[in-house]
Amino acid sequence: MSLRPLPEIRADASIQNARWEIRPDALERFVPHAADAGDPETITIYDQIGMDSWTGEGVTAKRIAGALRSIGERDIRVNINSPGGDFFEGVTIYNLLREHKAKVTVRVLGVAASAASVIAMAGDVIEIAMGSHIMVHNAWAVVMGNRHDLEQAMGALESFDESMAEIYAARTGIDRKKITNLMDAETWINADAAVSGGWADRKINEPEKPEGIEAKQTRTLAVAEAAFARAGMSRSERRALLKELTGSTPRAASDDAMPGAGELAAALARLQSTIAKGN
């Protein structure tokens, strides 16, 4: 077990006709990281939680379990920069880290939102970089079906919220009712507030690296995707539209796939004009 007595999260119930979506505001704050140098005792969570069926990207419990097996019973570091994603994958990753038999140090290096904030709570020590945020909210899903399906989904989501509130309260020492209020309000917690409020143990300061052209383009694509999400577009629709406009998808790694800054700006300007005419 982990060095800190943390509660297990149970998420046995399933929601039919549902998909887990990333909140648009979390996407807006998420700036992808380059991969870390090969440190065998560091696990990186630098993407959405769960596999995106359209892009094939995302952090899965299967990948984390494999990394833990490879590391063995040694102290580990878990670097997180993620907008969240699939609740079930997040819970499974949390439990895997919680059950690790050595010290777990979690480092929030950008955003640990939604399901990623649950994963962060598995740390025996939680560090947060200056300018980083933890975001907590109620479980967020898109559900289709009749009234019975929706009633079943509501009951399951309520159970998930209670599980998250339990772990947040246990890790921070904050009253359960106050935790519930923070989740209801969809609260963003900066580095200073995280340390003073018990969400993190200490703050770390990392010098910011100059943002290159590719990083700026990736940030622009992420902001555009967030705008599409607020407009009600599904993830697959958002990615298809971005690919059609720019020849790439968010977090694309190939320089050949990335448009030039002028091409990207022109494509987004055309999109904005098209949307304006449609309204």
C-alpha atoms as a PDB file:
ATOM      1  CA  MET A   1       0.000   0.000   0.000  1.00  0.00           C
ATOM      2  CA  SER A   2       0.947   3.635  -0.334  1.00  0.00           C
ATOM      3  CA  LEU A   3       2.589   5.301   2.659  1.00  0.00           C
ATOM      4  CA  ARG A   4      -0.488   7.448   3.290  1.00  0.00           C
ATOM      5  CA  PRO A   5      -3.799   5.797   4.315  1.00  0.00           C
ATOM      6  CA  LEU A   6      -6.079   6.827   1.446  1.00  0.00           C
ATOM      7  CA  PRO A   7      -9.595   5.531   0.816  1.00  0.00           C
ATOM      8  CA  GLU A   8     -10.311   3.282  -2.131  1.00  0.00           C
ATOM      9  CA  ILE A   9     -12.719   4.683  -4.697  1.00  0.00           C
ATOM     10  CA  ARG A  10     -15.394   2.266  -5.872  1.00  0.00           C
ATOM     11  CA  ALA A  11     -16.942   2.950  -9.257  1.00  0.00           C
ATOM     12  CA  ASP A  12     -18.675  -0.298 -10.068  1.00  0.00           C
ATOM     13  CA  ALA A  13     -21.838   1.199 -11.500  1.00  0.00           C
ATOM     14  CA  SER A  14     -21.995   1.894 -15.223  1.00  0.00           C
ATOM     15  CA  ILE A  15     -23.944   4.500 -17.143  1.00  0.00           C
ATOM     16  CA  GLN A  16     -25.614   3.269 -20.295  1.00  0.00           C
ATOM     17  CA  ASN A  17     -25.626   5.407 -23.433  1.00  0.00           C
ATOM     18  CA  ALA A  18     -23.098   7.805 -21.909  1.00  0.00           C
ATOM     19  CA  ARG A  19     -19.709   9.198 -22.822  1.00  0.00           C
ATOM     20  CA  TRP A  20     -17.269  11.124 -20.683  1.00  0.00           C
ATOM     21  CA  GLU A  21     -16.400  14.581 -22.002  1.00  0.00           C
ATOM     22  CA  ILE A  22     -13.676  17.050 -21.040  1.00  0.00           C
ATOM     23  CA  ARG A  23     -14.975  20.379 -19.825  1.00  0.00           C
ATOM     24  CA  PRO A  24     -14.280  23.230 -22.305  1.00  0.00           C
ATOM     25  CA  ASP A  25     -12.720  25.442 -19.616  1.00  0.00           C
ATOM     26  CA  ALA A  26     -10.281  22.652 -18.743  1.00  0.00           C
ATOM     27  CA  LEU A  27      -9.312  22.326 -22.411  1.00  0.00           C
ATOM     28  CA  GLU A  28      -8.679  26.060 -22.583  1.00  0.00           C
ATOM     29  CA  ARG A  29      -6.208  25.914 -19.677  1.00  0.00           C
ATOM     30  CA  PHE A  30      -4.462  22.782 -20.895  1.00  0.00           C
ATOM     31  CA  VAL A  31      -1.167  23.359 -22.726  1.00  0.00           C
ATOM     32  CA  PRO A  32       0.469  20.081 -23.795  1.00  0.00           C
ATOM     33  CA  HIS A  33       3.929  19.234 -22.446  1.00  0.00           C
ATOM     34  CA  ALA A  34       6.781  17.769 -24.414  1.00  0.00           C
ATOM     35  CA  ALA A  35       7.692  14.278 -23.240  1.00  0.00           C
ATOM     36  CA  ASP A  36      10.124  14.106 -20.326  1.00  0.00           C
ATOM     37  CA  ALA A  37      13.599  12.674 -20.744  1.00  0.00           C
ATOM     38  CA  GLY A  38      13.744   8.980 -19.979  1.00  0.00           C
ATOM     39  CA  ASP A  39      13.613   8.797 -16.182  1.00  0.00           C
ATOM     40  CA  PRO A  40      12.738   5.181 -15.333  1.00  0.00           C
ATOM     41  CA  GLU A  41      11.083   6.161 -12.046  1.00  0.00           C
ATOM     42  CA  THR A  42       8.859   8.935 -13.444  1.00  0.00           C
ATOM     43  CA  ILE A  43       5.387   8.351 -14.879  1.00  0.00           C
ATOM     44  CA  THR A  44       3.972  11.131 -17.054  1.00  0.00           C
ATOM     45  CA  ILE A  45       0.277  11.916 -17.467  1.00  0.00           C
ATOM     46  CA  TYR A  46       0.350  14.610 -20.139  1.00  0.00           C
ATOM     47  CA  ASP A  47      -2.911  14.021 -22.002  1.00  0.00           C
ATOM     48  CA  GLN A  48      -6.585  13.380 -21.484  1.00  0.00           C
ATOM     49  CA  ILE A  49      -7.557  10.504 -19.199  1.00  0.00           C
ATOM     50  CA  GLY A  50      -8.773   7.527 -21.206  1.00  0.00           C
ATOM     51  CA  MET A  51      -8.316   6.678 -24.865  1.00  0.00           C
ATOM     52  CA  ASP A  52      -9.774   8.978 -27.516  1.00  0.00           C
ATOM     53  CA  SER A  53     -11.259   6.577 -30.054  1.00  0.00           C
ATOM     54  CA  TRP A  54     -10.829   9.099 -32.880  1.00  0.00           C
ATOM     55  CA  THR A  55      -7.170  10.051 -32.346  1.00  0.00           C
ATOM     56  CA  GLY A  56      -5.936   6.986 -30.463  1.00  0.00           C
ATOM     57  CA  GLU A  57      -4.393   9.290 -27.828  1.00  0.00           C
ATOM     58  CA  GLY A  58      -4.859   9.434 -24.076  1.00  0.00           C
ATOM     59  CA  VAL A  59      -3.574   8.044 -20.764  1.00  0.00           C
ATOM     60  CA  THR A  60      -5.019   4.659 -19.846  1.00  0.00           C
ATOM     61  CA  ALA A  61      -4.961   2.581 -16.684  1.00  0.00           C
ATOM     62  CA  LYS A  62      -3.368  -0.213 -18.731  1.00  0.00           C
ATOM     63  CA  ARG A  63      -0.398   2.026 -19.561  1.00  0.00           C
ATOM     64  CA  ILE A  64       0.024   3.147 -15.940  1.00  0.00           C
ATOM     65  CA  ALA A  65      -0.210  -0.439 -14.667  1.00  0.00           C
ATOM     66  CA  GLY A  66       2.534  -1.455 -17.105  1.00  0.00           C
ATOM     67  CA  ALA A  67       4.765   1.402 -15.966  1.00  0.00           C
ATOM     68  CA  LEU A  68       4.275   0.449 -12.308  1.00  0.00           C
ATOM     69  CA  ARG A  69       5.158  -3.170 -13.020  1.00  0.00           C
ATOM     70  CA  SER A  70       8.319  -2.022 -14.773  1.00  0.00           C
ATOM     71  CA  ILE A  71       9.354   0.252 -11.889  1.00  0.00           C
ATOM     72  CA  GLY A  72       8.681  -2.331  -9.195  1.00  0.00           C
ATOM     73  CA  GLU A  73       8.680  -1.525  -5.490  1.00  0.00           C
ATOM     74  CA  ARG A  74      10.628   1.737  -5.795  1.00  0.00           C
ATOM     75  CA  ASP A  75       9.699   5.343  -5.065  1.00  0.00           C
ATOM     76  CA  ILE A  76       8.040   6.990  -8.053  1.00  0.00           C
ATOM     77  CA  ARG A  77       7.205  10.452  -9.339  1.00  0.00           C
ATOM     78  CA  VAL A  78       4.011  11.099 -11.278  1.00  0.00           C
ATOM     79  CA  ASN A  79       4.010  14.286 -13.385  1.00  0.00           C
ATOM     80  CA  ILE A  80       0.503  15.483 -14.266  1.00  0.00           C
ATOM     81  CA  ASN A  81      -0.718  17.959 -16.844  1.00  0.00           C
ATOM     82  CA  SER A  82      -4.173  16.819 -17.942  1.00  0.00           C
ATOM     83  CA  PRO A  83      -7.627  18.322 -18.539  1.00  0.00           C
ATOM     84  CA  GLY A  84      -9.286  15.150 -17.250  1.00  0.00           C
ATOM     85  CA  GLY A  85     -11.499  12.760 -19.164  1.00  0.00           C
ATOM     86  CA  ASP A  86     -12.885   9.291 -18.451  1.00  0.00           C
ATOM     87  CA  PHE A  87     -13.969   8.980 -14.810  1.00  0.00           C
ATOM     88  CA  PHE A  88     -13.545   5.193 -14.666  1.00  0.00           C
ATOM     89  CA  GLU A  89     -10.023   5.306 -16.076  1.00  0.00           C
ATOM     90  CA  GLY A  90      -9.159   8.066 -13.604  1.00  0.00           C
ATOM     91  CA  VAL A  91     -10.464   6.066 -10.646  1.00  0.00           C
ATOM     92  CA  THR A  92      -8.542   2.976 -11.746  1.00  0.00           C
ATOM     93  CA  ILE A  93      -5.296   4.958 -12.100  1.00  0.00           C
ATOM     94  CA  TYR A  94      -5.870   6.520  -8.662  1.00  0.00           C
ATOM     95  CA  ASN A  95      -6.309   3.077  -7.107  1.00  0.00           C
ATOM     96  CA  LEU A  96      -3.224   1.702  -8.885  1.00  0.00           C
ATOM     97  CA  LEU A  97      -1.081   4.532  -7.488  1.00  0.00           C
ATOM     98  CA  ARG A  98      -2.719   4.229  -4.070  1.00  0.00           C
ATOM     99  CA  GLU A  99      -1.742   0.548  -3.930  1.00  0.00           C
ATOM    100  CA  HIS A 100       1.891   1.143  -4.936  1.00  0.00           C
ATOM    101  CA  LYS A 101       4.172  -0.282  -2.242  1.00  0.00           C
ATOM    102  CA  ALA A 102       6.617   2.647  -2.122  1.00  0.00           C
ATOM    103  CA  LYS A 103       6.492   6.444  -1.922  1.00  0.00           C
ATOM    104  CA  VAL A 104       4.419   8.228  -4.580  1.00  0.00           C
ATOM    105  CA  THR A 105       5.243  11.869  -5.294  1.00  0.00           C
ATOM    106  CA  VAL A 106       2.730  13.619  -7.550  1.00  0.00           C
ATOM    107  CA  ARG A 107       3.783  16.826  -9.312  1.00  0.00           C
ATOM    108  CA  VAL A 108       1.107  19.036 -10.903  1.00  0.00           C
ATOM    109  CA  LEU A 109       2.946  20.794 -13.724  1.00  0.00           C
ATOM    110  CA  GLY A 110       0.101  22.610 -15.453  1.00  0.00           C
ATOM    111  CA  VAL A 111      -3.473  21.422 -14.972  1.00  0.00           C
ATOM    112  CA  ALA A 112      -4.886  18.547 -12.945  1.00  0.00           C
ATOM    113  CA  ALA A 113      -8.574  18.896 -13.742  1.00  0.00           C
ATOM    114  CA  SER A 114     -11.556  16.648 -13.174  1.00  0.00           C
ATOM    115  CA  ALA A 115     -10.465  12.972 -13.330  1.00  0.00           C
ATOM    116  CA  ALA A 116      -6.819  14.087 -13.254  1.00  0.00           C
ATOM    117  CA  SER A 117      -7.411  15.824  -9.904  1.00  0.00           C
ATOM    118  CA  VAL A 118      -8.593  12.489  -8.510  1.00  0.00           C
ATOM    119  CA  ILE A 119      -5.378  10.845  -9.704  1.00  0.00           C
ATOM    120  CA  ALA A 120      -3.330  13.620  -8.080  1.00  0.00           C
ATOM    121  CA  MET A 121      -4.824  12.806  -4.677  1.00  0.00           C
ATOM    122  CA  ALA A 122      -3.046   9.418  -4.720  1.00  0.00           C
ATOM    123  CA  GLY A 123       0.276  11.071  -3.908  1.00  0.00           C
ATOM    124  CA  ASP A 124       1.943  10.570  -0.558  1.00  0.00           C
ATOM    125  CA  VAL A 125       3.411  13.970  -1.380  1.00  0.00           C
ATOM    126  CA  ILE A 126       1.713  16.373  -3.790  1.00  0.00           C
ATOM    127  CA  GLU A 127       3.754  19.182  -5.321  1.00  0.00           C
ATOM    128  CA  ILE A 128       2.332  21.910  -7.539  1.00  0.00           C
ATOM    129  CA  ALA A 129       4.261  24.214  -9.836  1.00  0.00           C
ATOM    130  CA  MET A 130       3.789  27.972  -9.821  1.00  0.00           C
ATOM    131  CA  GLY A 131       1.003  28.924 -12.238  1.00  0.00           C
ATOM    132  CA  SER A 132      -0.569  25.462 -12.103  1.00  0.00           C
ATOM    133  CA  HIS A 133      -4.156  24.626 -11.092  1.00  0.00           C
ATOM    134  CA  ILE A 134      -6.211  21.788  -9.650  1.00  0.00           C
ATOM    135  CA  MET A 135      -9.873  21.748 -10.689  1.00  0.00           C
ATOM    136  CA  VAL A 136     -12.632  19.841  -8.888  1.00  0.00           C
ATOM    137  CA  HIS A 137     -16.224  19.423 -10.012  1.00  0.00           C
ATOM    138  CA  ASN A 138     -19.038  16.913 -10.120  1.00  0.00           C
ATOM    139  CA  ALA A 139     -18.797  13.986 -12.544  1.00  0.00           C
ATOM    140  CA  TRP A 140     -19.562  15.302 -16.035  1.00  0.00           C
ATOM    141  CA  ALA A 141     -21.004  13.104 -18.785  1.00  0.00           C
ATOM    142  CA  VAL A 142     -23.166  13.316 -21.886  1.00  0.00           C
ATOM    143  CA  VAL A 143     -26.092  10.879 -21.652  1.00  0.00           C
ATOM    144  CA  MET A 144     -28.714   9.837 -24.195  1.00  0.00           C
ATOM    145  CA  GLY A 145     -31.820   7.748 -23.687  1.00  0.00           C
ATOM    146  CA  ASN A 146     -35.302   7.688 -22.202  1.00  0.00           C
ATOM    147  CA  ARG A 147     -36.313   8.885 -18.753  1.00  0.00           C
ATOM    148  CA  HIS A 148     -35.303   5.581 -17.155  1.00  0.00           C
ATOM    149  CA  ASP A 149     -31.818   5.821 -18.660  1.00  0.00           C
ATOM    150  CA  LEU A 150     -31.483   9.385 -17.423  1.00  0.00           C
ATOM    151  CA  GLU A 151     -32.704   8.466 -13.940  1.00  0.00           C
ATOM    152  CA  GLN A 152     -30.166   5.620 -13.787  1.00  0.00           C
ATOM    153  CA  ALA A 153     -27.419   7.972 -14.955  1.00  0.00           C
ATOM    154  CA  MET A 154     -28.328  10.558 -12.327  1.00  0.00           C
ATOM    155  CA  GLY A 155     -28.073   7.965  -9.551  1.00  0.00           C
ATOM    156  CA  ALA A 156     -24.716   6.724 -10.815  1.00  0.00           C
ATOM    157  CA  LEU A 157     -23.309  10.245 -11.126  1.00  0.00           C
ATOM    158  CA  GLU A 158     -24.414  11.044  -7.580  1.00  0.00           C
ATOM    159  CA  SER A 159     -22.551   7.961  -6.351  1.00  0.00           C
ATOM    160  CA  PHE A 160     -19.420   9.012  -8.241  1.00  0.00           C
ATOM    161  CA  ASP A 161     -19.604  12.510  -6.732  1.00  0.00           C
ATOM    162  CA  GLU A 162     -19.774  11.038  -3.248  1.00  0.00           C
ATOM    163  CA  SER A 163     -16.707   8.899  -3.931  1.00  0.00           C
ATOM    164  CA  MET A 164     -14.720  11.895  -5.166  1.00  0.00           C
ATOM    165  CA  ALA A 165     -15.793  14.033  -2.215  1.00  0.00           C
ATOM    166  CA  GLU A 166     -14.624  11.282   0.140  1.00  0.00           C
ATOM    167  CA  ILE A 167     -11.104  11.188  -1.293  1.00  0.00           C
ATOM    168  CA  TYR A 168     -10.804  14.986  -1.506  1.00  0.00           C
ATOM    169  CA  ALA A 169     -11.899  15.323   2.130  1.00  0.00           C
ATOM    170  CA  ALA A 170      -9.560  12.558   3.300  1.00  0.00           C
ATOM    171  CA  ARG A 171      -6.560  14.037   1.486  1.00  0.00           C
ATOM    172  CA  THR A 172      -7.120  17.715   2.341  1.00  0.00           C
ATOM    173  CA  GLY A 173      -8.755  17.513   5.779  1.00  0.00           C
ATOM    174  CA  ILE A 174     -11.481  19.888   4.546  1.00  0.00           C
ATOM    175  CA  ASP A 175     -15.019  19.338   5.817  1.00  0.00           C
ATOM    176  CA  ARG A 176     -17.045  17.063   3.528  1.00  0.00           C
ATOM    177  CA  LYS A 177     -19.824  19.621   3.117  1.00  0.00           C
ATOM    178  CA  LYS A 178     -17.354  22.298   2.038  1.00  0.00           C
ATOM    179  CA  ILE A 179     -15.812  19.860  -0.450  1.00  0.00           C
ATOM    180  CA  THR A 180     -19.268  19.228  -1.902  1.00  0.00           C
ATOM    181  CA  ASN A 181     -19.809  22.975  -2.254  1.00  0.00           C
ATOM    182  CA  LEU A 182     -16.462  23.349  -4.043  1.00  0.00           C
ATOM    183  CA  MET A 183     -17.412  20.562  -6.445  1.00  0.00           C
ATOM    184  CA  ASP A 184     -20.838  22.077  -7.077  1.00  0.00           C
ATOM    185  CA  ALA A 185     -19.165  25.409  -7.893  1.00  0.00           C
ATOM    186  CA  GLU A 186     -16.588  23.767 -10.247  1.00  0.00           C
ATOM    187  CA  THR A 187     -13.624  25.268  -8.434  1.00  0.00           C
ATOM    188  CA  TRP A 188     -10.177  26.093  -9.844  1.00  0.00           C
ATOM    189  CA  ILE A 189      -7.448  26.049  -7.156  1.00  0.00           C
ATOM    190  CA  ASN A 190      -4.152  27.805  -7.865  1.00  0.00           C
ATOM    191  CA  ALA A 191      -0.777  26.781  -6.437  1.00  0.00           C
ATOM    192  CA  ASP A 192      -0.882  29.039  -3.362  1.00  0.00           C
ATOM    193  CA  ALA A 193      -4.460  28.068  -2.505  1.00  0.00           C
ATOM    194  CA  ALA A 194      -3.664  24.397  -3.085  1.00  0.00           C
ATOM    195  CA  VAL A 195      -0.836  24.456  -0.530  1.00  0.00           C
ATOM    196  CA  SER A 196      -2.707  26.529   2.052  1.00  0.00           C
ATOM    197  CA  GLY A 197      -5.884  24.460   1.607  1.00  0.00           C
ATOM    198  CA  GLY A 198      -4.302  21.025   1.861  1.00  0.00           C
ATOM    199  CA  TRP A 199      -4.660  20.059  -1.798  1.00  0.00           C
ATOM    200  CA  ALA A 200      -0.864  20.032  -2.152  1.00  0.00           C
ATOM    201  CA  ASP A 201       2.026  19.754   0.298  1.00  0.00           C
ATOM    202  CA  ARG A 202       4.401  22.241  -1.268  1.00  0.00           C
ATOM    203  CA  LYS A 203       4.916  24.509  -4.238  1.00  0.00           C
ATOM    204  CA  ILE A 204       7.677  24.033  -6.752  1.00  0.00           C
ATOM    205  CA  ASN A 205       8.948  26.720  -9.080  1.00  0.00           C
ATOM    206  CA  GLU A 206      10.012  25.730 -12.547  1.00  0.00           C
ATOM    207  CA  PRO A 207      11.454  28.284 -14.961  1.00  0.00           C
ATOM    208  CA  GLU A 208       9.177  28.540 -17.956  1.00  0.00           C
ATOM    209  CA  LYS A 209      10.664  27.394 -21.228  1.00  0.00           C
ATOM    210  CA  PRO A 210      10.243  29.652 -24.264  1.00  0.00           C
ATOM    211  CA  GLU A 211       7.135  28.651 -26.185  1.00  0.00           C
ATOM    212  CA  GLY A 212       8.060  27.580 -29.705  1.00  0.00           C
ATOM    213  CA  ILE A 213       5.966  27.905 -32.842  1.00  0.00           C
ATOM    214  CA  GLU A 214       4.606  24.361 -32.564  1.00  0.00           C
ATOM    215  CA  ALA A 215       3.559  24.888 -28.930  1.00  0.00           C
ATOM    216  CA  LYS A 216       1.781  28.127 -29.854  1.00  0.00           C
ATOM    217  CA  GLN A 217      -0.046  26.380 -32.694  1.00  0.00           C
ATOM    218  CA  THR A 218      -1.012  23.515 -30.387  1.00  0.00           C
ATOM    219  CA  ARG A 219      -2.341  25.997 -27.817  1.00  0.00           C
ATOM    220  CA  THR A 220      -4.402  27.730 -30.534  1.00  0.00           C
ATOM    221  CA  LEU A 221      -5.881  24.413 -31.648  1.00  0.00           C
ATOM    222  CA  ALA A 222      -6.743  23.523 -28.036  1.00  0.00           C
ATOM    223  CA  VAL A 223      -8.521  26.863 -27.557  1.00  0.00           C
ATOM    224  CA  ALA A 224     -10.425  26.343 -30.815  1.00  0.00           C
ATOM    225  CA  GLU A 225     -11.469  22.863 -29.714  1.00  0.00           C
ATOM    226  CA  ALA A 226     -12.701  24.258 -26.404  1.00  0.00           C
ATOM    227  CA  ALA A 227     -14.853  26.779 -28.285  1.00  0.00           C
ATOM    228  CA  PHE A 228     -16.345  23.976 -30.383  1.00  0.00           C
ATOM    229  CA  ALA A 229     -17.051  21.988 -27.213  1.00  0.00           C
ATOM    230  CA  ARG A 230     -18.925  24.938 -25.693  1.00  0.00           C
ATOM    231  CA  ALA A 231     -21.001  25.046 -28.897  1.00  0.00           C
ATOM    232  CA  GLY A 232     -22.126  21.477 -28.222  1.00  0.00           C
ATOM    233  CA  MET A 233     -19.973  19.583 -30.737  1.00  0.00           C
ATOM    234  CA  SER A 234     -18.893  16.058 -29.792  1.00  0.00           C
ATOM    235  CA  ARG A 235     -15.218  15.196 -29.499  1.00  0.00           C
ATOM    236  CA  SER A 236     -15.134  13.294 -32.798  1.00  0.00           C
ATOM    237  CA  GLU A 237     -16.890  16.178 -34.584  1.00  0.00           C
ATOM    238  CA  ARG A 238     -14.417  18.690 -33.106  1.00  0.00           C
ATOM    239  CA  ARG A 239     -11.388  16.688 -34.169  1.00  0.00           C
ATOM    240  CA  ALA A 240     -12.760  16.057 -37.661  1.00  0.00           C
ATOM    241  CA  LEU A 241     -13.413  19.773 -38.177  1.00  0.00           C
ATOM    242  CA  LEU A 242      -9.956  20.781 -36.940  1.00  0.00           C
ATOM    243  CA  LYS A 243      -8.335  18.210 -39.197  1.00  0.00           C
ATOM    244  CA  GLU A 244     -10.307  19.492 -42.191  1.00  0.00           C
ATOM    245  CA  LEU A 245      -9.367  23.103 -41.429  1.00  0.00           C
ATOM    246  CA  THR A 246      -5.693  22.708 -40.618  1.00  0.00           C
ATOM    247  CA  GLY A 247      -4.520  19.298 -41.722  1.00  0.00           C
ATOM    248  CA  SER A 248      -3.777  18.339 -38.113  1.00  0.00           C
ATOM    249  CA  THR A 249      -5.447  17.531 -34.815  1.00  0.00           C
ATOM    250  CA  PRO A 250      -4.707  18.953 -31.353  1.00  0.00           C
ATOM    251  CA  ARG A 251      -1.460  17.630 -29.846  1.00  0.00           C
ATOM    252  CA  ALA A 252      -0.213  16.448 -33.247  1.00  0.00           C
ATOM    253  CA  ALA A 253       3.500  15.734 -33.020  1.00  0.00           C
ATOM    254  CA  SER A 254       4.600  15.862 -36.652  1.00  0.00           C
ATOM    255  CA  ASP A 255       6.072  19.087 -37.968  1.00  0.00           C
ATOM    256  CA  ASP A 256       4.826  18.093 -41.422  1.00  0.00           C
ATOM    257  CA  ALA A 257       1.262  17.869 -40.121  1.00  0.00           C
ATOM    258  CA  MET A 258       1.371  21.297 -38.482  1.00  0.00           C
ATOM    259  CA  PRO A 259       0.286  24.259 -40.608  1.00  0.00           C
ATOM    260  CA  GLY A 260       2.306  27.449 -40.573  1.00  0.00           C
ATOM    261  CA  ALA A 261       1.221  30.184 -38.191  1.00  0.00           C
ATOM    262  CA  GLY A 262      -0.272  32.182 -41.071  1.00  0.00           C
ATOM    263  CA  GLU A 263      -2.151  29.196 -42.467  1.00  0.00           C
ATOM    264  CA  LEU A 264      -3.602  28.360 -39.040  1.00  0.00           C
ATOM    265  CA  ALA A 265      -4.687  31.943 -38.385  1.00  0.00           C
ATOM    266  CA  ALA A 266      -6.287  32.152 -41.828  1.00  0.00           C
ATOM    267  CA  ALA A 267      -8.133  28.861 -41.343  1.00  0.00           C
ATOM    268  CA  LEU A 268      -9.525  29.916 -37.982  1.00  0.00           C
ATOM    269  CA  ALA A 269     -10.481  33.322 -39.385  1.00  0.00           C
ATOM    270  CA  ARG A 270     -12.431  31.611 -42.169  1.00  0.00           C
ATOM    271  CA  LEU A 271     -14.157  29.442 -39.565  1.00  0.00           C
ATOM    272  CA  GLN A 272     -15.071  32.475 -37.453  1.00  0.00           C
ATOM    273  CA  SER A 273     -16.505  34.203 -40.523  1.00  0.00           C
ATOM    274  CA  THR A 274     -18.510  31.122 -41.451  1.00  0.00           C
ATOM    275  CA  ILE A 275     -19.969  30.835 -37.939  1.00  0.00           C
ATOM    276  CA  ALA A 276     -20.831  34.545 -37.891  1.00  0.00           C
ATOM    277  CA  LYS A 277     -22.690  34.278 -41.212  1.00  0.00           C
ATOM    278  CA  GLY A 278     -24.564  31.250 -39.922  1.00  0.00           C
ATOM    279  CA  ASN A 279     -25.822  33.248 -36.962  1.00  0.00           C
END
